[in-house]
Amino acid sequence: MILNLTDLSSESLQNQIYRQIREFILSGDLLSGEMLPSIRFLAREQKVSVITVQRGYEMLEREGLINSRRGKGFFVSQLHDKKKKKLSEKKLTEKLLPLIKSAMAEIGRAHV
C-alpha cells in the first residue's frame, strides 16, 4: 500500500492517511479481511509519528471500515456493496454541501 503524504497540504497527515486508506477500501483495492500495516510499520515507512497513524486508523475504525483484533493488528471490515455506496455518497454530500451553500450565497449577492 503506497500512500502519498505531504506536509505541504492544508489537510492534516492523519486525515491524509484516513482519506487515502478509505479510498483504497471503497474502491476495492483493499479487500475485506485484508491486514493493514501495523501502526509502527506505517509510521516508520511514511516518516510520521505513531500517534498520527493511530489517529488515522481510529477514524477508519469509527466509520466501520477497519477493525482491530487484539494482538493481531488491523483488518479491513467486511463491507457489502450497498454499505460502500452509502459511505461514498455520504462523503460526497459532506464535500459538496459547503460548495453548494457558498455558490448559492454568491448568487444571492450577485442579484442584490
PDB file of N, CA and C in Angstrom:
ATOM      1  N   MET A   1       0.856  -1.178   0.000  1.00  0.00           N
ATOM      2  CA  MET A   1       0.000   0.000   0.000  1.00  0.00           C
ATOM      3  C   MET A   1       0.899   1.236   0.000  1.00  0.00           C
ATOM      4  N   ILE A   2       0.719   2.056  -1.001  1.00  0.00           N
ATOM      5  CA  ILE A   2       1.521   3.264  -1.123  1.00  0.00           C
ATOM      6  C   ILE A   2       0.645   4.471  -0.846  1.00  0.00           C
ATOM      7  N   LEU A   3       1.044   5.246   0.152  1.00  0.00           N
ATOM      8  CA  LEU A   3       0.339   6.473   0.484  1.00  0.00           C
ATOM      9  C   LEU A   3       1.180   7.655   0.019  1.00  0.00           C
ATOM     10  N   ASN A   4       0.511   8.700  -0.398  1.00  0.00           N
ATOM     11  CA  ASN A   4       1.187   9.934  -0.797  1.00  0.00           C
ATOM     12  C   ASN A   4       0.874  11.009   0.224  1.00  0.00           C
ATOM     13  N   LEU A   5       1.726  11.123   1.241  1.00  0.00           N
ATOM     14  CA  LEU A   5       1.531  12.099   2.300  1.00  0.00           C
ATOM     15  C   LEU A   5       2.441  13.294   2.056  1.00  0.00           C
ATOM     16  N   THR A   6       1.916  14.475   2.367  1.00  0.00           N
ATOM     17  CA  THR A   6       2.715  15.679   2.206  1.00  0.00           C
ATOM     18  C   THR A   6       2.429  16.665   3.324  1.00  0.00           C
ATOM     19  N   ASP A   7       3.485  17.318   3.776  1.00  0.00           N
ATOM     20  CA  ASP A   7       3.361  18.384   4.780  1.00  0.00           C
ATOM     21  C   ASP A   7       2.859  19.674   4.137  1.00  0.00           C
ATOM     22  N   LEU A   8       2.894  19.744   2.827  1.00  0.00           N
ATOM     23  CA  LEU A   8       2.522  20.967   2.114  1.00  0.00           C
ATOM     24  C   LEU A   8       1.013  21.141   1.981  1.00  0.00           C
ATOM     25  N   SER A   9       0.262  20.098   2.293  1.00  0.00           N
ATOM     26  CA  SER A   9      -1.193  20.141   2.175  1.00  0.00           C
ATOM     27  C   SER A   9      -1.802  20.852   3.386  1.00  0.00           C
ATOM     28  N   SER A  10      -2.950  21.484   3.171  1.00  0.00           N
ATOM     29  CA  SER A  10      -3.679  22.072   4.299  1.00  0.00           C
ATOM     30  C   SER A  10      -4.366  20.976   5.118  1.00  0.00           C
ATOM     31  N   GLU A  11      -4.465  19.788   4.540  1.00  0.00           N
ATOM     32  CA  GLU A  11      -5.072  18.636   5.214  1.00  0.00           C
ATOM     33  C   GLU A  11      -4.043  18.002   6.146  1.00  0.00           C
ATOM     34  N   SER A  12      -4.460  17.671   7.363  1.00  0.00           N
ATOM     35  CA  SER A  12      -3.532  17.066   8.320  1.00  0.00           C
ATOM     36  C   SER A  12      -3.056  15.701   7.814  1.00  0.00           C
ATOM     37  N   LEU A  13      -1.902  15.268   8.302  1.00  0.00           N
ATOM     38  CA  LEU A  13      -1.354  13.970   7.907  1.00  0.00           C
ATOM     39  C   LEU A  13      -2.290  12.833   8.290  1.00  0.00           C
ATOM     40  N   GLN A  14      -2.907  12.910   9.485  1.00  0.00           N
ATOM     41  CA  GLN A  14      -3.822  11.838   9.893  1.00  0.00           C
ATOM     42  C   GLN A  14      -5.036  11.787   8.977  1.00  0.00           C
ATOM     43  N   ASN A  15      -5.521  12.934   8.517  1.00  0.00           N
ATOM     44  CA  ASN A  15      -6.642  12.949   7.573  1.00  0.00           C
ATOM     45  C   ASN A  15      -6.226  12.410   6.215  1.00  0.00           C
ATOM     46  N   GLN A  16      -4.991  12.683   5.806  1.00  0.00           N
ATOM     47  CA  GLN A  16      -4.497  12.143   4.544  1.00  0.00           C
ATOM     48  C   GLN A  16      -4.435  10.613   4.609  1.00  0.00           C
ATOM     49  N   ILE A  17      -3.954  10.089   5.736  1.00  0.00           N
ATOM     50  CA  ILE A  17      -3.900   8.632   5.934  1.00  0.00           C
ATOM     51  C   ILE A  17      -5.308   8.062   5.876  1.00  0.00           C
ATOM     52  N   TYR A  18      -6.218   8.663   6.643  1.00  0.00           N
ATOM     53  CA  TYR A  18      -7.611   8.220   6.685  1.00  0.00           C
ATOM     54  C   TYR A  18      -8.222   8.227   5.291  1.00  0.00           C
ATOM     55  N   ARG A  19      -8.099   9.350   4.592  1.00  0.00           N
ATOM     56  CA  ARG A  19      -8.738   9.521   3.285  1.00  0.00           C
ATOM     57  C   ARG A  19      -8.188   8.536   2.246  1.00  0.00           C
ATOM     58  N   GLN A  20      -6.872   8.385   2.232  1.00  0.00           N
ATOM     59  CA  GLN A  20      -6.277   7.521   1.209  1.00  0.00           C
ATOM     60  C   GLN A  20      -6.577   6.044   1.460  1.00  0.00           C
ATOM     61  N   ILE A  21      -6.506   5.606   2.710  1.00  0.00           N
ATOM     62  CA  ILE A  21      -6.839   4.204   3.008  1.00  0.00           C
ATOM     63  C   ILE A  21      -8.324   3.972   2.769  1.00  0.00           C
ATOM     64  N   ARG A  22      -9.150   4.937   3.119  1.00  0.00           N
ATOM     65  CA  ARG A  22     -10.596   4.853   2.886  1.00  0.00           C
ATOM     66  C   ARG A  22     -10.865   4.649   1.394  1.00  0.00           C
ATOM     67  N   GLU A  23     -10.181   5.411   0.565  1.00  0.00           N
ATOM     68  CA  GLU A  23     -10.352   5.281  -0.880  1.00  0.00           C
ATOM     69  C   GLU A  23      -9.934   3.892  -1.365  1.00  0.00           C
ATOM     70  N   PHE A  24      -8.822   3.369  -0.815  1.00  0.00           N
ATOM     71  CA  PHE A  24      -8.377   2.013  -1.177  1.00  0.00           C
ATOM     72  C   PHE A  24      -9.452   0.981  -0.832  1.00  0.00           C
ATOM     73  N   ILE A  25     -10.082   1.154   0.326  1.00  0.00           N
ATOM     74  CA  ILE A  25     -11.100   0.194   0.774  1.00  0.00           C
ATOM     75  C   ILE A  25     -12.349   0.302  -0.099  1.00  0.00           C
ATOM     76  N   LEU A  26     -12.858   1.518  -0.288  1.00  0.00           N
ATOM     77  CA  LEU A  26     -14.106   1.700  -1.028  1.00  0.00           C
ATOM     78  C   LEU A  26     -13.956   1.372  -2.514  1.00  0.00           C
ATOM     79  N   SER A  27     -12.750   1.510  -3.039  1.00  0.00           N
ATOM     80  CA  SER A  27     -12.535   1.192  -4.456  1.00  0.00           C
ATOM     81  C   SER A  27     -12.278  -0.301  -4.674  1.00  0.00           C
ATOM     82  N   GLY A  28     -12.064  -1.035  -3.574  1.00  0.00           N
ATOM     83  CA  GLY A  28     -11.801  -2.463  -3.692  1.00  0.00           C
ATOM     84  C   GLY A  28     -10.325  -2.805  -3.820  1.00  0.00           C
ATOM     85  N   ASP A  29      -9.446  -1.798  -3.737  1.00  0.00           N
ATOM     86  CA  ASP A  29      -8.007  -2.069  -3.779  1.00  0.00           C
ATOM     87  C   ASP A  29      -7.543  -2.780  -2.502  1.00  0.00           C
ATOM     88  N   LEU A  30      -8.246  -2.547  -1.404  1.00  0.00           N
ATOM     89  CA  LEU A  30      -8.041  -3.307  -0.170  1.00  0.00           C
ATOM     90  C   LEU A  30      -9.314  -4.115   0.058  1.00  0.00           C
ATOM     91  N   LEU A  31      -9.176  -5.406   0.219  1.00  0.00           N
ATOM     92  CA  LEU A  31     -10.325  -6.297   0.307  1.00  0.00           C
ATOM     93  C   LEU A  31     -10.678  -6.639   1.745  1.00  0.00           C
ATOM     94  N   SER A  32     -11.935  -7.044   1.956  1.00  0.00           N
ATOM     95  CA  SER A  32     -12.398  -7.469   3.275  1.00  0.00           C
ATOM     96  C   SER A  32     -11.462  -8.524   3.843  1.00  0.00           C
ATOM     97  N   GLY A  33     -11.094  -8.339   5.101  1.00  0.00           N
ATOM     98  CA  GLY A  33     -10.231  -9.292   5.778  1.00  0.00           C
ATOM     99  C   GLY A  33      -8.750  -9.049   5.572  1.00  0.00           C
ATOM    100  N   GLU A  34      -8.420  -8.175   4.641  1.00  0.00           N
ATOM    101  CA  GLU A  34      -7.002  -7.900   4.374  1.00  0.00           C
ATOM    102  C   GLU A  34      -6.388  -7.140   5.547  1.00  0.00           C
ATOM    103  N   MET A  35      -5.180  -7.534   5.900  1.00  0.00           N
ATOM    104  CA  MET A  35      -4.485  -6.917   7.034  1.00  0.00           C
ATOM    105  C   MET A  35      -3.804  -5.625   6.593  1.00  0.00           C
ATOM    106  N   LEU A  36      -3.962  -4.586   7.427  1.00  0.00           N
ATOM    107  CA  LEU A  36      -3.275  -3.325   7.180  1.00  0.00           C
ATOM    108  C   LEU A  36      -1.892  -3.377   7.822  1.00  0.00           C
ATOM    109  N   PRO A  37      -0.985  -2.524   7.364  1.00  0.00           N
ATOM    110  CA  PRO A  37       0.326  -2.470   8.020  1.00  0.00           C
ATOM    111  C   PRO A  37       0.148  -2.079   9.489  1.00  0.00           C
ATOM    112  N   SER A  38       1.031  -2.545  10.333  1.00  0.00           N
ATOM    113  CA  SER A  38       0.964  -2.157  11.742  1.00  0.00           C
ATOM    114  C   SER A  38       1.155  -0.649  11.852  1.00  0.00           C
ATOM    115  N   ILE A  39       0.678  -0.091  12.936  1.00  0.00           N
ATOM    116  CA  ILE A  39       0.800   1.347  13.158  1.00  0.00           C
ATOM    117  C   ILE A  39       2.273   1.755  13.146  1.00  0.00           C
ATOM    118  N   ARG A  40       3.100   1.009  13.855  1.00  0.00           N
ATOM    119  CA  ARG A  40       4.534   1.343  13.924  1.00  0.00           C
ATOM    120  C   ARG A  40       5.204   1.232  12.552  1.00  0.00           C
ATOM    121  N   PHE A  41       4.883   0.182  11.817  1.00  0.00           N
ATOM    122  CA  PHE A  41       5.481  -0.006  10.495  1.00  0.00           C
ATOM    123  C   PHE A  41       5.095   1.138   9.560  1.00  0.00           C
ATOM    124  N   LEU A  42       3.788   1.467   9.517  1.00  0.00           N
ATOM    125  CA  LEU A  42       3.330   2.524   8.621  1.00  0.00           C
ATOM    126  C   LEU A  42       3.936   3.871   9.019  1.00  0.00           C
ATOM    127  N   ALA A  43       4.041   4.127  10.319  1.00  0.00           N
ATOM    128  CA  ALA A  43       4.646   5.375  10.792  1.00  0.00           C
ATOM    129  C   ALA A  43       6.103   5.469  10.334  1.00  0.00           C
ATOM    130  N   ARG A  44       6.829   4.389  10.494  1.00  0.00           N
ATOM    131  CA  ARG A  44       8.240   4.359  10.086  1.00  0.00           C
ATOM    132  C   ARG A  44       8.358   4.519   8.558  1.00  0.00           C
ATOM    133  N   GLU A  45       7.529   3.790   7.828  1.00  0.00           N
ATOM    134  CA  GLU A  45       7.560   3.831   6.365  1.00  0.00           C
ATOM    135  C   GLU A  45       7.223   5.218   5.815  1.00  0.00           C
ATOM    136  N   GLN A  46       6.248   5.877   6.445  1.00  0.00           N
ATOM    137  CA  GLN A  46       5.788   7.186   5.964  1.00  0.00           C
ATOM    138  C   GLN A  46       6.511   8.357   6.642  1.00  0.00           C
ATOM    139  N   LYS A  47       7.372   8.024   7.601  1.00  0.00           N
ATOM    140  CA  LYS A  47       8.135   9.042   8.332  1.00  0.00           C
ATOM    141  C   LYS A  47       7.214  10.041   9.050  1.00  0.00           C
ATOM    142  N   VAL A  48       6.229   9.472   9.748  1.00  0.00           N
ATOM    143  CA  VAL A  48       5.311  10.257  10.568  1.00  0.00           C
ATOM    144  C   VAL A  48       5.274   9.631  11.959  1.00  0.00           C
ATOM    145  N   SER A  49       4.637  10.299  12.888  1.00  0.00           N
ATOM    146  CA  SER A  49       4.580   9.765  14.245  1.00  0.00           C
ATOM    147  C   SER A  49       3.576   8.612  14.341  1.00  0.00           C
ATOM    148  N   VAL A  50       3.804   7.776  15.327  1.00  0.00           N
ATOM    149  CA  VAL A  50       2.897   6.660  15.601  1.00  0.00           C
ATOM    150  C   VAL A  50       1.502   7.193  15.910  1.00  0.00           C
ATOM    151  N   ILE A  51       1.441   8.300  16.630  1.00  0.00           N
ATOM    152  CA  ILE A  51       0.139   8.893  17.008  1.00  0.00           C
ATOM    153  C   ILE A  51      -0.632   9.333  15.768  1.00  0.00           C
ATOM    154  N   THR A  52       0.066   9.857  14.772  1.00  0.00           N
ATOM    155  CA  THR A  52      -0.586  10.290  13.528  1.00  0.00           C
ATOM    156  C   THR A  52      -1.264   9.106  12.840  1.00  0.00           C
ATOM    157  N   VAL A  53      -0.551   8.003  12.718  1.00  0.00           N
ATOM    158  CA  VAL A  53      -1.123   6.801  12.095  1.00  0.00           C
ATOM    159  C   VAL A  53      -2.250   6.259  12.957  1.00  0.00           C
ATOM    160  N   GLN A  54      -2.039   6.226  14.264  1.00  0.00           N
ATOM    161  CA  GLN A  54      -3.064   5.709  15.180  1.00  0.00           C
ATOM    162  C   GLN A  54      -4.362   6.494  15.032  1.00  0.00           C
ATOM    163  N   ARG A  55      -4.267   7.805  14.947  1.00  0.00           N
ATOM    164  CA  ARG A  55      -5.473   8.634  14.802  1.00  0.00           C
ATOM    165  C   ARG A  55      -6.163   8.391  13.463  1.00  0.00           C
ATOM    166  N   GLY A  56      -5.378   8.212  12.402  1.00  0.00           N
ATOM    167  CA  GLY A  56      -5.960   7.888  11.094  1.00  0.00           C
ATOM    168  C   GLY A  56      -6.695   6.560  11.138  1.00  0.00           C
ATOM    169  N   TYR A  57      -6.080   5.558  11.778  1.00  0.00           N
ATOM    170  CA  TYR A  57      -6.716   4.245  11.915  1.00  0.00           C
ATOM    171  C   TYR A  57      -7.979   4.341  12.782  1.00  0.00           C
ATOM    172  N   GLU A  58      -7.933   5.159  13.830  1.00  0.00           N
ATOM    173  CA  GLU A  58      -9.114   5.317  14.698  1.00  0.00           C
ATOM    174  C   GLU A  58     -10.283   5.897  13.909  1.00  0.00           C
ATOM    175  N   MET A  59     -10.013   6.837  13.017  1.00  0.00           N
ATOM    176  CA  MET A  59     -11.070   7.422  12.189  1.00  0.00           C
ATOM    177  C   MET A  59     -11.684   6.358  11.290  1.00  0.00           C
ATOM    178  N   LEU A  60     -10.841   5.518  10.709  1.00  0.00           N
ATOM    179  CA  LEU A  60     -11.330   4.427   9.857  1.00  0.00           C
ATOM    180  C   LEU A  60     -12.140   3.421  10.659  1.00  0.00           C
ATOM    181  N   GLU A  61     -11.690   3.164  11.882  1.00  0.00           N
ATOM    182  CA  GLU A  61     -12.380   2.199  12.741  1.00  0.00           C
ATOM    183  C   GLU A  61     -13.746   2.739  13.167  1.00  0.00           C
ATOM    184  N   ARG A  62     -13.807   4.031  13.506  1.00  0.00           N
ATOM    185  CA  ARG A  62     -15.090   4.644  13.898  1.00  0.00           C
ATOM    186  C   ARG A  62     -16.103   4.568  12.759  1.00  0.00           C
ATOM    187  N   GLU A  63     -15.624   4.675  11.537  1.00  0.00           N
ATOM    188  CA  GLU A  63     -16.511   4.619  10.373  1.00  0.00           C
ATOM    189  C   GLU A  63     -16.892   3.180  10.012  1.00  0.00           C
ATOM    190  N   GLY A  64     -16.252   2.217  10.676  1.00  0.00           N
ATOM    191  CA  GLY A  64     -16.564   0.814  10.419  1.00  0.00           C
ATOM    192  C   GLY A  64     -15.839   0.226   9.225  1.00  0.00           C
ATOM    193  N   LEU A  65     -14.830   0.937   8.729  1.00  0.00           N
ATOM    194  CA  LEU A  65     -14.097   0.454   7.558  1.00  0.00           C
ATOM    195  C   LEU A  65     -13.011  -0.552   7.928  1.00  0.00           C
ATOM    196  N   ILE A  66     -12.475  -0.434   9.129  1.00  0.00           N
ATOM    197  CA  ILE A  66     -11.474  -1.397   9.600  1.00  0.00           C
ATOM    198  C   ILE A  66     -11.848  -1.822  11.015  1.00  0.00           C
ATOM    199  N   ASN A  67     -11.273  -2.927  11.444  1.00  0.00           N
ATOM    200  CA  ASN A  67     -11.456  -3.357  12.830  1.00  0.00           C
ATOM    201  C   ASN A  67     -10.134  -3.889  13.346  1.00  0.00           C
ATOM    202  N   SER A  68      -9.985  -3.793  14.662  1.00  0.00           N
ATOM    203  CA  SER A  68      -8.738  -4.276  15.256  1.00  0.00           C
ATOM    204  C   SER A  68      -8.995  -5.600  15.948  1.00  0.00           C
ATOM    205  N   ARG A  69      -7.990  -6.429  15.900  1.00  0.00           N
ATOM    206  CA  ARG A  69      -8.018  -7.697  16.622  1.00  0.00           C
ATOM    207  C   ARG A  69      -6.830  -7.672  17.556  1.00  0.00           C
ATOM    208  N   ARG A  70      -7.137  -7.673  18.846  1.00  0.00           N
ATOM    209  CA  ARG A  70      -6.092  -7.553  19.855  1.00  0.00           C
ATOM    210  C   ARG A  70      -4.964  -8.552  19.603  1.00  0.00           C
ATOM    211  N   GLY A  71      -3.760  -8.002  19.540  1.00  0.00           N
ATOM    212  CA  GLY A  71      -2.581  -8.832  19.351  1.00  0.00           C
ATOM    213  C   GLY A  71      -2.325  -9.255  17.912  1.00  0.00           C
ATOM    214  N   LYS A  72      -3.248  -8.947  17.024  1.00  0.00           N
ATOM    215  CA  LYS A  72      -3.092  -9.367  15.624  1.00  0.00           C
ATOM    216  C   LYS A  72      -2.936  -8.197  14.669  1.00  0.00           C
ATOM    217  N   GLY A  73      -3.603  -7.079  14.941  1.00  0.00           N
ATOM    218  CA  GLY A  73      -3.487  -5.907  14.085  1.00  0.00           C
ATOM    219  C   GLY A  73      -4.823  -5.392  13.591  1.00  0.00           C
ATOM    220  N   PHE A  74      -4.765  -4.647  12.507  1.00  0.00           N
ATOM    221  CA  PHE A  74      -5.953  -4.032  11.916  1.00  0.00           C
ATOM    222  C   PHE A  74      -6.281  -4.693  10.592  1.00  0.00           C
ATOM    223  N   PHE A  75      -7.581  -4.898  10.369  1.00  0.00           N
ATOM    224  CA  PHE A  75      -8.055  -5.595   9.182  1.00  0.00           C
ATOM    225  C   PHE A  75      -9.197  -4.821   8.547  1.00  0.00           C
ATOM    226  N   VAL A  76      -9.309  -4.933   7.239  1.00  0.00           N
ATOM    227  CA  VAL A  76     -10.416  -4.303   6.511  1.00  0.00           C
ATOM    228  C   VAL A  76     -11.703  -5.033   6.894  1.00  0.00           C
ATOM    229  N   SER A  77     -12.715  -4.261   7.253  1.00  0.00           N
ATOM    230  CA  SER A  77     -14.009  -4.831   7.634  1.00  0.00           C
ATOM    231  C   SER A  77     -14.737  -5.394   6.420  1.00  0.00           C
ATOM    232  N   GLN A  78     -15.636  -6.315   6.690  1.00  0.00           N
ATOM    233  CA  GLN A  78     -16.491  -6.868   5.633  1.00  0.00           C
ATOM    234  C   GLN A  78     -17.534  -5.819   5.299  1.00  0.00           C
ATOM    235  N   LEU A  79     -17.501  -5.330   4.074  1.00  0.00           N
ATOM    236  CA  LEU A  79     -18.449  -4.309   3.636  1.00  0.00           C
ATOM    237  C   LEU A  79     -19.190  -4.819   2.409  1.00  0.00           C
ATOM    238  N   HIS A  80     -20.491  -4.698   2.458  1.00  0.00           N
ATOM    239  CA  HIS A  80     -21.291  -5.055   1.289  1.00  0.00           C
ATOM    240  C   HIS A  80     -21.321  -3.858   0.347  1.00  0.00           C
ATOM    241  N   ASP A  81     -21.602  -4.104  -0.905  1.00  0.00           N
ATOM    242  CA  ASP A  81     -21.593  -3.035  -1.899  1.00  0.00           C
ATOM    243  C   ASP A  81     -22.532  -1.891  -1.521  1.00  0.00           C
ATOM    244  N   LYS A  82     -23.678  -2.219  -0.908  1.00  0.00           N
ATOM    245  CA  LYS A  82     -24.627  -1.173  -0.508  1.00  0.00           C
ATOM    246  C   LYS A  82     -24.001  -0.244   0.523  1.00  0.00           C
ATOM    247  N   LYS A  83     -23.286  -0.826   1.483  1.00  0.00           N
ATOM    248  CA  LYS A  83     -22.648  -0.007   2.523  1.00  0.00           C
ATOM    249  C   LYS A  83     -21.534   0.842   1.914  1.00  0.00           C
ATOM    250  N   LYS A  84     -20.746   0.263   1.008  1.00  0.00           N
ATOM    251  CA  LYS A  84     -19.688   1.027   0.337  1.00  0.00           C
ATOM    252  C   LYS A  84     -20.291   2.221  -0.393  1.00  0.00           C
ATOM    253  N   LYS A  85     -21.390   1.970  -1.107  1.00  0.00           N
ATOM    254  CA  LYS A  85     -22.038   3.043  -1.863  1.00  0.00           C
ATOM    255  C   LYS A  85     -22.567   4.122  -0.919  1.00  0.00           C
ATOM    256  N   LYS A  86     -23.170   3.699   0.174  1.00  0.00           N
ATOM    257  CA  LYS A  86     -23.725   4.648   1.139  1.00  0.00           C
ATOM    258  C   LYS A  86     -22.621   5.511   1.750  1.00  0.00           C
ATOM    259  N   LEU A  87     -21.491   4.894   2.111  1.00  0.00           N
ATOM    260  CA  LEU A  87     -20.367   5.644   2.670  1.00  0.00           C
ATOM    261  C   LEU A  87     -19.812   6.634   1.655  1.00  0.00           C
ATOM    262  N   SER A  88     -19.708   6.216   0.409  1.00  0.00           N
ATOM    263  CA  SER A  88     -19.205   7.093  -0.652  1.00  0.00           C
ATOM    264  C   SER A  88     -20.146   8.275  -0.875  1.00  0.00           C
ATOM    265  N   GLU A  89     -21.447   8.004  -0.896  1.00  0.00           N
ATOM    266  CA  GLU A  89     -22.432   9.069  -1.095  1.00  0.00           C
ATOM    267  C   GLU A  89     -22.424  10.055   0.074  1.00  0.00           C
ATOM    268  N   LYS A  90     -22.267   9.534   1.285  1.00  0.00           N
ATOM    269  CA  LYS A  90     -22.232  10.395   2.466  1.00  0.00           C
ATOM    270  C   LYS A  90     -21.037  11.344   2.391  1.00  0.00           C
ATOM    271  N   LYS A  91     -19.881  10.816   2.035  1.00  0.00           N
ATOM    272  CA  LYS A  91     -18.678  11.642   1.947  1.00  0.00           C
ATOM    273  C   LYS A  91     -18.812  12.669   0.837  1.00  0.00           C
ATOM    274  N   LEU A  92     -19.380  12.274  -0.298  1.00  0.00           N
ATOM    275  CA  LEU A  92     -19.590  13.202  -1.401  1.00  0.00           C
ATOM    276  C   LEU A  92     -20.511  14.343  -0.977  1.00  0.00           C
ATOM    277  N   THR A  93     -21.584  14.014  -0.280  1.00  0.00           N
ATOM    278  CA  THR A  93     -22.515  15.022   0.203  1.00  0.00           C
ATOM    279  C   THR A  93     -21.821  15.985   1.159  1.00  0.00           C
ATOM    280  N   GLU A  94     -20.995  15.437   2.059  1.00  0.00           N
ATOM    281  CA  GLU A  94     -20.262  16.280   3.009  1.00  0.00           C
ATOM    282  C   GLU A  94     -19.333  17.253   2.292  1.00  0.00           C
ATOM    283  N   LYS A  95     -18.751  16.820   1.187  1.00  0.00           N
ATOM    284  CA  LYS A  95     -17.832  17.676   0.430  1.00  0.00           C
ATOM    285  C   LYS A  95     -18.589  18.696  -0.425  1.00  0.00           C
ATOM    286  N   LEU A  96     -19.716  18.288  -0.999  1.00  0.00           N
ATOM    287  CA  LEU A  96     -20.442  19.161  -1.919  1.00  0.00           C
ATOM    288  C   LEU A  96     -21.302  20.215  -1.221  1.00  0.00           C
ATOM    289  N   LEU A  97     -21.860  19.886  -0.074  1.00  0.00           N
ATOM    290  CA  LEU A  97     -22.779  20.791   0.609  1.00  0.00           C
ATOM    291  C   LEU A  97     -22.185  22.179   0.859  1.00  0.00           C
ATOM    292  N   PRO A  98     -20.970  22.282   1.412  1.00  0.00           N
ATOM    293  CA  PRO A  98     -20.401  23.627   1.605  1.00  0.00           C
ATOM    294  C   PRO A  98     -20.194  24.380   0.288  1.00  0.00           C
ATOM    295  N   LEU A  99     -19.838  23.659  -0.776  1.00  0.00           N
ATOM    296  CA  LEU A  99     -19.650  24.303  -2.072  1.00  0.00           C
ATOM    297  C   LEU A  99     -20.970  24.832  -2.619  1.00  0.00           C
ATOM    298  N   ILE A 100     -22.015  24.050  -2.462  1.00  0.00           N
ATOM    299  CA  ILE A 100     -23.343  24.465  -2.938  1.00  0.00           C
ATOM    300  C   ILE A 100     -23.824  25.675  -2.150  1.00  0.00           C
ATOM    301  N   LYS A 101     -23.654  25.647  -0.824  1.00  0.00           N
ATOM    302  CA  LYS A 101     -24.066  26.782   0.015  1.00  0.00           C
ATOM    303  C   LYS A 101     -23.306  28.045  -0.367  1.00  0.00           C
ATOM    304  N   SER A 102     -22.007  27.897  -0.602  1.00  0.00           N
ATOM    305  CA  SER A 102     -21.192  29.040  -0.997  1.00  0.00           C
ATOM    306  C   SER A 102     -21.652  29.599  -2.350  1.00  0.00           C
ATOM    307  N   ALA A 103     -21.928  28.709  -3.294  1.00  0.00           N
ATOM    308  CA  ALA A 103     -22.396  29.131  -4.612  1.00  0.00           C
ATOM    309  C   ALA A 103     -23.739  29.845  -4.513  1.00  0.00           C
ATOM    310  N   MET A 104     -24.637  29.321  -3.687  1.00  0.00           N
ATOM    311  CA  MET A 104     -25.950  29.945  -3.504  1.00  0.00           C
ATOM    312  C   MET A 104     -25.807  31.339  -2.886  1.00  0.00           C
ATOM    313  N   ALA A 105     -24.888  31.463  -1.939  1.00  0.00           N
ATOM    314  CA  ALA A 105     -24.660  32.764  -1.313  1.00  0.00           C
ATOM    315  C   ALA A 105     -24.125  33.768  -2.341  1.00  0.00           C
ATOM    316  N   GLU A 106     -23.233  33.318  -3.216  1.00  0.00           N
ATOM    317  CA  GLU A 106     -22.689  34.189  -4.268  1.00  0.00           C
ATOM    318  C   GLU A 106     -23.780  34.619  -5.229  1.00  0.00           C
ATOM    319  N   ILE A 107     -24.646  33.694  -5.584  1.00  0.00           N
ATOM    320  CA  ILE A 107     -25.759  34.026  -6.485  1.00  0.00           C
ATOM    321  C   ILE A 107     -26.668  35.053  -5.834  1.00  0.00           C
ATOM    322  N   GLY A 108     -26.917  34.872  -4.542  1.00  0.00           N
ATOM    323  CA  GLY A 108     -27.746  35.825  -3.810  1.00  0.00           C
ATOM    324  C   GLY A 108     -27.133  37.213  -3.765  1.00  0.00           C
ATOM    325  N   ARG A 109     -25.819  37.284  -3.594  1.00  0.00           N
ATOM    326  CA  ARG A 109     -25.140  38.585  -3.556  1.00  0.00           C
ATOM    327  C   ARG A 109     -25.117  39.235  -4.941  1.00  0.00           C
ATOM    328  N   ALA A 110     -25.039  38.431  -5.970  1.00  0.00           N
ATOM    329  CA  ALA A 110     -24.971  38.967  -7.338  1.00  0.00           C
ATOM    330  C   ALA A 110     -26.283  39.617  -7.759  1.00  0.00           C
ATOM    331  N   HIS A 111     -27.370  39.164  -7.177  1.00  0.00           N
ATOM    332  CA  HIS A 111     -28.685  39.706  -7.539  1.00  0.00           C
ATOM    333  C   HIS A 111     -29.084  40.909  -6.707  1.00  0.00           C
ATOM    334  N   VAL A 112     -28.234  41.346  -5.812  1.00  0.00           N
ATOM    335  CA  VAL A 112     -28.578  42.493  -4.943  1.00  0.00           C
ATOM    336  C   VAL A 112     -28.224  43.778  -5.595  1.00  0.00           C
TER     337      VAL A 112
END
